[in-house]
C-alpha atoms as a PDB file:
ATOM      1  CA  UNK A   1      73.387   1.040  54.106  1.00  0.00           C
ATOM      2  CA  UNK A   2      72.071   4.548  53.630  1.00  0.00           C
ATOM      3  CA  UNK A   3      69.565   6.389  55.793  1.00  0.00           C
ATOM      4  CA  UNK A   4      66.479   5.451  53.757  1.00  0.00           C
ATOM      5  CA  UNK A   5      67.444   1.790  53.560  1.00  0.00           C
ATOM      6  CA  UNK A   6      67.924   1.644  57.334  1.00  0.00           C
ATOM      7  CA  UNK A   7      64.514   3.225  57.931  1.00  0.00           C
ATOM      8  CA  UNK A   8      62.788   0.782  55.585  1.00  0.00           C
ATOM      9  CA  UNK A   9      64.549  -2.126  57.295  1.00  0.00           C
ATOM     10  CA  UNK A  10      63.158  -0.937  60.643  1.00  0.00           C
ATOM     11  CA  UNK A  11      59.679  -0.561  59.114  1.00  0.00           C
ATOM     12  CA  UNK A  12      59.638  -4.063  57.630  1.00  0.00           C
ATOM     13  CA  UNK A  13      59.175  -5.909  60.945  1.00  0.00           C
ATOM     14  CA  UNK A  14      56.242  -3.723  62.022  1.00  0.00           C
ATOM     15  CA  UNK A  15      54.544  -4.014  58.646  1.00  0.00           C
ATOM     16  CA  UNK A  16      54.971  -7.791  58.629  1.00  0.00           C
ATOM     17  CA  UNK A  17      53.288  -8.096  62.039  1.00  0.00           C
ATOM     18  CA  UNK A  18      50.425  -5.782  61.019  1.00  0.00           C
ATOM     19  CA  UNK A  19      49.929  -7.754  57.773  1.00  0.00           C
ATOM     20  CA  UNK A  20      49.863 -11.006  59.749  1.00  0.00           C
ATOM     21  CA  UNK A  21      47.114  -9.635  62.022  1.00  0.00           C
ATOM     22  CA  UNK A  22      45.156  -8.251  59.018  1.00  0.00           C
ATOM     23  CA  UNK A  23      44.121  -5.064  60.811  1.00  0.00           C
ATOM     24  CA  UNK A  24      43.509  -1.590  59.439  1.00  0.00           C
ATOM     25  CA  UNK A  25      46.793   0.370  59.395  1.00  0.00           C
ATOM     26  CA  UNK A  26      47.512   4.080  59.927  1.00  0.00           C
ATOM     27  CA  UNK A  27      50.719   4.753  58.029  1.00  0.00           C
ATOM     28  CA  UNK A  28      52.742   7.957  58.536  1.00  0.00           C
ATOM     29  CA  UNK A  29      55.352   9.362  56.178  1.00  0.00           C
ATOM     30  CA  UNK A  30      57.279  12.558  56.756  1.00  0.00           C
ATOM     31  CA  UNK A  31      59.625  14.721  54.735  1.00  0.00           C
ATOM     32  CA  UNK A  32      61.371  17.931  55.713  1.00  0.00           C
ATOM     33  CA  UNK A  33      58.530  20.045  54.311  1.00  0.00           C
ATOM     34  CA  UNK A  34      55.402  17.871  54.727  1.00  0.00           C
ATOM     35  CA  UNK A  35      53.782  15.035  56.654  1.00  0.00           C
ATOM     36  CA  UNK A  36      51.362  12.483  55.213  1.00  0.00           C
ATOM     37  CA  UNK A  37      48.977   9.987  56.832  1.00  0.00           C
ATOM     38  CA  UNK A  38      47.025   7.207  55.137  1.00  0.00           C
ATOM     39  CA  UNK A  39      44.748   4.493  56.457  1.00  0.00           C
ATOM     40  CA  UNK A  40      45.048   1.196  54.582  1.00  0.00           C
ATOM     41  CA  UNK A  41      42.568  -1.678  54.601  1.00  0.00           C
ATOM     42  CA  UNK A  42      43.339  -4.925  56.420  1.00  0.00           C
ATOM     43  CA  UNK A  43      44.591  -6.560  53.228  1.00  0.00           C
ATOM     44  CA  UNK A  44      46.842  -3.544  52.572  1.00  0.00           C
ATOM     45  CA  UNK A  45      45.664  -2.915  49.022  1.00  0.00           C
ATOM     46  CA  UNK A  46      43.152  -0.101  49.448  1.00  0.00           C
ATOM     47  CA  UNK A  47      43.522   3.391  50.938  1.00  0.00           C
ATOM     48  CA  UNK A  48      40.476   4.107  53.076  1.00  0.00           C
ATOM     49  CA  UNK A  49      41.364   7.639  54.212  1.00  0.00           C
ATOM     50  CA  UNK A  50      44.210  10.079  53.688  1.00  0.00           C
ATOM     51  CA  UNK A  51      45.368  13.480  54.920  1.00  0.00           C
ATOM     52  CA  UNK A  52      48.488  15.546  54.410  1.00  0.00           C
ATOM     53  CA  UNK A  53      49.930  19.031  54.628  1.00  0.00           C
ATOM     54  CA  UNK A  54      49.867  19.231  50.826  1.00  0.00           C
ATOM     55  CA  UNK A  55      46.066  19.623  50.797  1.00  0.00           C
ATOM     56  CA  UNK A  56      44.743  23.121  50.127  1.00  0.00           C
ATOM     57  CA  UNK A  57      42.550  23.217  53.265  1.00  0.00           C
ATOM     58  CA  UNK A  58      45.467  22.416  55.541  1.00  0.00           C
ATOM     59  CA  UNK A  59      47.800  24.827  53.698  1.00  0.00           C
ATOM     60  CA  UNK A  60      45.356  27.683  54.383  1.00  0.00           C
ATOM     61  CA  UNK A  61      45.449  26.993  58.131  1.00  0.00           C
ATOM     62  CA  UNK A  62      49.143  26.164  58.440  1.00  0.00           C
ATOM     63  CA  UNK A  63      51.581  27.637  55.907  1.00  0.00           C
ATOM     64  CA  UNK A  64      54.567  25.542  57.065  1.00  0.00           C
ATOM     65  CA  UNK A  65      53.922  21.804  56.723  1.00  0.00           C
ATOM     66  CA  UNK A  66      57.149  20.693  58.380  1.00  0.00           C
ATOM     67  CA  UNK A  67      56.428  21.407  62.039  1.00  0.00           C
ATOM     68  CA  UNK A  68      54.560  19.925  65.017  1.00  0.00           C
ATOM     69  CA  UNK A  69      51.492  22.155  64.548  1.00  0.00           C
ATOM     70  CA  UNK A  70      51.070  20.849  61.008  1.00  0.00           C
ATOM     71  CA  UNK A  71      51.392  17.259  62.256  1.00  0.00           C
ATOM     72  CA  UNK A  72      48.678  17.876  64.852  1.00  0.00           C
ATOM     73  CA  UNK A  73      46.365  19.264  62.157  1.00  0.00           C
ATOM     74  CA  UNK A  74      46.937  16.219  59.938  1.00  0.00           C
ATOM     75  CA  UNK A  75      46.379  13.864  62.894  1.00  0.00           C
ATOM     76  CA  UNK A  76      43.079  15.536  63.694  1.00  0.00           C
ATOM     77  CA  UNK A  77      42.002  15.455  60.042  1.00  0.00           C
ATOM     78  CA  UNK A  78      42.865  11.774  59.487  1.00  0.00           C
ATOM     79  CA  UNK A  79      41.025  10.803  62.689  1.00  0.00           C
ATOM     80  CA  UNK A  80      37.906  12.709  61.662  1.00  0.00           C
ATOM     81  CA  UNK A  81      37.915  11.095  58.221  1.00  0.00           C
ATOM     82  CA  UNK A  82      38.418   7.617  59.685  1.00  0.00           C
ATOM     83  CA  UNK A  83      35.678   7.986  62.292  1.00  0.00           C
ATOM     84  CA  UNK A  84      33.321   9.264  59.571  1.00  0.00           C
ATOM     85  CA  UNK A  85      33.881   5.967  57.734  1.00  0.00           C
ATOM     86  CA  UNK A  86      33.328   3.940  60.905  1.00  0.00           C
ATOM     87  CA  UNK A  87      36.981   3.101  61.539  1.00  0.00           C
ATOM     88  CA  UNK A  88      37.761   3.477  65.226  1.00  0.00           C
ATOM     89  CA  UNK A  89      40.606   1.026  65.764  1.00  0.00           C
ATOM     90  CA  UNK A  90      43.819   0.983  63.735  1.00  0.00           C
ATOM     91  CA  UNK A  91      47.398  -0.226  64.008  1.00  0.00           C
ATOM     92  CA  UNK A  92      49.968   2.592  63.993  1.00  0.00           C
ATOM     93  CA  UNK A  93      52.722   2.192  61.401  1.00  0.00           C
ATOM     94  CA  UNK A  94      55.403   4.833  61.917  1.00  0.00           C
ATOM     95  CA  UNK A  95      57.302   3.643  58.809  1.00  0.00           C
ATOM     96  CA  UNK A  96      60.595   3.271  60.651  1.00  0.00           C
ATOM     97  CA  UNK A  97      60.600   6.870  61.900  1.00  0.00           C
ATOM     98  CA  UNK A  98      61.333   7.409  65.598  1.00  0.00           C
ATOM     99  CA  UNK A  99      58.254   8.034  67.756  1.00  0.00           C
ATOM    100  CA  UNK A 100      58.989  11.617  68.731  1.00  0.00           C
ATOM    101  CA  UNK A 101      58.428  15.096  67.392  1.00  0.00           C
ATOM    102  CA  UNK A 102      56.073  15.279  64.418  1.00  0.00           C
ATOM    103  CA  UNK A 103      55.249  11.557  64.334  1.00  0.00           C
ATOM    104  CA  UNK A 104      54.315  11.597  68.022  1.00  0.00           C
ATOM    105  CA  UNK A 105      52.263  14.803  67.608  1.00  0.00           C
ATOM    106  CA  UNK A 106      50.286  13.240  64.742  1.00  0.00           C
ATOM    107  CA  UNK A 107      49.625  10.080  66.777  1.00  0.00           C
ATOM    108  CA  UNK A 108      48.473  11.980  69.863  1.00  0.00           C
ATOM    109  CA  UNK A 109      46.181  14.225  67.812  1.00  0.00           C
ATOM    110  CA  UNK A 110      44.640  11.171  66.142  1.00  0.00           C
ATOM    111  CA  UNK A 111      44.064   9.553  69.546  1.00  0.00           C
ATOM    112  CA  UNK A 112      42.432  12.702  70.952  1.00  0.00           C
ATOM    113  CA  UNK A 113      40.016  12.787  68.006  1.00  0.00           C
ATOM    114  CA  UNK A 114      38.691   9.256  68.319  1.00  0.00           C
ATOM    115  CA  UNK A 115      41.176   6.752  66.898  1.00  0.00           C
ATOM    116  CA  UNK A 116      42.344   3.888  69.106  1.00  0.00           C
ATOM    117  CA  UNK A 117      45.760   2.252  68.712  1.00  0.00           C
END
């Protein structure tokens, strides 16, 4: 089992529980250079909001997308976009990544800006 397979195996249990509850899901994906966040509908078929370090607005503020400051900016942005659409409560899907570093920074920034999970 390689690294990616192991991560996806860890993510499967969380995603199954979230799908069973049919709640809105905040999904985080990270690479060495960037971090991405998307909010999926309860059925899991539609993206309701998205933010990432690839976007031009974020790149102007933060040139390096692979650090904690970039994750905080994306967390703030995704929370603002979700609250603007009336989404206040989500389930946090860390996609099998450990809850520390950039993933934790994104989650805390989203919580500070109005999302509950």
